[in-house]
Amino acid sequence: MGKGIILGIDFSIDFTQMAVLDDEINPRSISIGTEDNFLIPSVVCYNSEL
């Protein structure tokens, strides 16, 4: 049987972070671009009156 990928996505107001489980079932954050860049901008539209 093949292995599936478990992906976790944490949506926040201004940034999003993604993680996967490695072979030892430990969560590992996914970096974007560089090794230290774990946060992804996630704001498309923000209404401060809400």
N, C-alpha and C. Protein backbone atom coordinates (compact mmCIF):
# COMPACT_ATOMS: atom_id res chain seq x y z
N MET A 1 0.84 -1.17 0.00
CA MET A 1 0.00 0.00 0.00
C MET A 1 0.89 1.24 0.00
N GLY A 2 0.55 2.25 -0.80
CA GLY A 2 1.32 3.49 -0.85
C GLY A 2 1.08 4.35 0.37
N LYS A 3 2.00 5.27 0.58
CA LYS A 3 1.87 6.18 1.71
C LYS A 3 1.17 7.45 1.26
N GLY A 4 0.27 7.94 2.09
CA GLY A 4 -0.40 9.20 1.80
C GLY A 4 0.31 10.35 2.50
N ILE A 5 0.02 11.54 2.07
CA ILE A 5 0.58 12.73 2.69
C ILE A 5 -0.49 13.36 3.56
N ILE A 6 -0.14 13.66 4.79
CA ILE A 6 -1.04 14.38 5.68
C ILE A 6 -0.55 15.82 5.74
N LEU A 7 -1.38 16.74 5.31
CA LEU A 7 -1.01 18.15 5.24
C LEU A 7 -1.89 18.94 6.20
N GLY A 8 -1.28 19.73 7.06
CA GLY A 8 -2.02 20.60 7.95
C GLY A 8 -1.83 22.04 7.53
N ILE A 9 -2.91 22.80 7.50
CA ILE A 9 -2.84 24.21 7.13
C ILE A 9 -3.46 25.03 8.25
N ASP A 10 -2.70 25.98 8.78
CA ASP A 10 -3.15 26.86 9.85
C ASP A 10 -3.40 28.24 9.25
N PHE A 11 -4.68 28.57 9.01
CA PHE A 11 -5.03 29.87 8.45
C PHE A 11 -5.14 30.89 9.58
N SER A 12 -4.47 32.00 9.43
CA SER A 12 -4.54 33.09 10.39
C SER A 12 -5.03 34.34 9.66
N ILE A 13 -5.17 35.44 10.38
CA ILE A 13 -5.66 36.67 9.75
C ILE A 13 -4.67 37.20 8.72
N ASP A 14 -3.37 37.13 9.04
CA ASP A 14 -2.39 37.74 8.14
C ASP A 14 -1.40 36.75 7.53
N PHE A 15 -1.15 35.63 8.17
CA PHE A 15 -0.21 34.64 7.64
C PHE A 15 -0.78 33.24 7.78
N THR A 16 -0.31 32.35 6.93
CA THR A 16 -0.70 30.95 6.95
C THR A 16 0.56 30.10 7.09
N GLN A 17 0.46 28.99 7.82
CA GLN A 17 1.59 28.08 7.94
C GLN A 17 1.12 26.68 7.58
N MET A 18 1.97 25.94 6.86
CA MET A 18 1.63 24.57 6.46
C MET A 18 2.62 23.60 7.07
N ALA A 19 2.16 22.38 7.35
CA ALA A 19 3.02 21.35 7.92
C ALA A 19 2.60 19.99 7.38
N VAL A 20 3.54 19.05 7.36
CA VAL A 20 3.28 17.66 6.98
C VAL A 20 3.85 16.76 8.06
N LEU A 21 3.40 15.51 8.07
CA LEU A 21 3.97 14.52 8.98
C LEU A 21 5.09 13.79 8.26
N ASP A 22 6.25 13.67 8.92
CA ASP A 22 7.37 12.96 8.29
C ASP A 22 7.22 11.46 8.50
N ASP A 23 8.21 10.69 8.10
CA ASP A 23 8.15 9.22 8.20
C ASP A 23 8.05 8.73 9.63
N GLU A 24 8.49 9.53 10.60
CA GLU A 24 8.43 9.15 12.01
C GLU A 24 7.20 9.75 12.70
N ILE A 25 6.25 10.24 11.92
CA ILE A 25 5.00 10.83 12.40
C ILE A 25 5.24 12.08 13.25
N ASN A 26 6.25 12.86 12.89
CA ASN A 26 6.52 14.14 13.54
C ASN A 26 6.12 15.26 12.58
N PRO A 27 5.45 16.31 13.09
CA PRO A 27 5.08 17.41 12.20
C PRO A 27 6.30 18.22 11.78
N ARG A 28 6.37 18.57 10.52
CA ARG A 28 7.46 19.38 9.96
C ARG A 28 6.84 20.54 9.19
N SER A 29 7.20 21.76 9.56
CA SER A 29 6.71 22.93 8.84
C SER A 29 7.30 22.98 7.45
N ILE A 30 6.51 23.44 6.51
CA ILE A 30 6.96 23.58 5.13
C ILE A 30 7.45 25.00 4.93
N SER A 31 8.68 25.15 4.47
CA SER A 31 9.20 26.49 4.20
C SER A 31 8.97 26.85 2.74
N ILE A 32 8.79 28.12 2.50
CA ILE A 32 8.56 28.62 1.15
C ILE A 32 9.73 29.53 0.80
N GLY A 33 10.43 29.22 -0.25
CA GLY A 33 11.56 30.05 -0.68
C GLY A 33 12.85 29.68 0.03
N THR A 34 13.03 30.18 1.25
CA THR A 34 14.24 29.89 2.01
C THR A 34 13.91 28.95 3.16
N GLU A 35 14.93 28.42 3.80
CA GLU A 35 14.72 27.47 4.90
C GLU A 35 14.04 28.10 6.11
N ASP A 36 14.16 29.42 6.29
CA ASP A 36 13.60 30.08 7.47
C ASP A 36 12.28 30.78 7.19
N ASN A 37 11.74 30.64 6.00
CA ASN A 37 10.53 31.36 5.62
C ASN A 37 9.33 30.42 5.71
N PHE A 38 8.76 30.28 6.93
CA PHE A 38 7.67 29.33 7.15
C PHE A 38 6.28 29.96 7.00
N LEU A 39 6.19 31.28 7.12
CA LEU A 39 4.88 31.93 7.07
C LEU A 39 4.58 32.41 5.66
N ILE A 40 3.35 32.19 5.22
CA ILE A 40 2.90 32.55 3.88
C ILE A 40 1.83 33.64 4.03
N PRO A 41 1.98 34.79 3.38
CA PRO A 41 0.92 35.81 3.46
C PRO A 41 -0.41 35.24 2.99
N SER A 42 -1.48 35.52 3.74
CA SER A 42 -2.77 34.92 3.39
C SER A 42 -3.91 35.92 3.29
N VAL A 43 -3.65 37.20 3.44
CA VAL A 43 -4.72 38.20 3.38
C VAL A 43 -5.02 38.52 1.93
N VAL A 44 -6.27 38.30 1.54
CA VAL A 44 -6.72 38.69 0.21
C VAL A 44 -7.49 39.99 0.31
N CYS A 45 -8.37 40.07 1.29
CA CYS A 45 -9.15 41.28 1.54
C CYS A 45 -9.45 41.32 3.04
N TYR A 46 -9.21 42.46 3.65
CA TYR A 46 -9.44 42.59 5.09
C TYR A 46 -10.31 43.81 5.34
N ASN A 47 -11.46 43.62 5.98
CA ASN A 47 -12.37 44.70 6.31
C ASN A 47 -12.29 44.94 7.81
N SER A 48 -11.72 46.07 8.22
CA SER A 48 -11.53 46.35 9.65
C SER A 48 -12.83 46.64 10.37
N GLU A 49 -13.93 46.84 9.64
CA GLU A 49 -15.22 47.11 10.27
C GLU A 49 -15.94 45.83 10.69
N LEU A 50 -15.46 44.69 10.29
CA LEU A 50 -16.12 43.42 10.65
C LEU A 50 -15.66 42.94 11.99
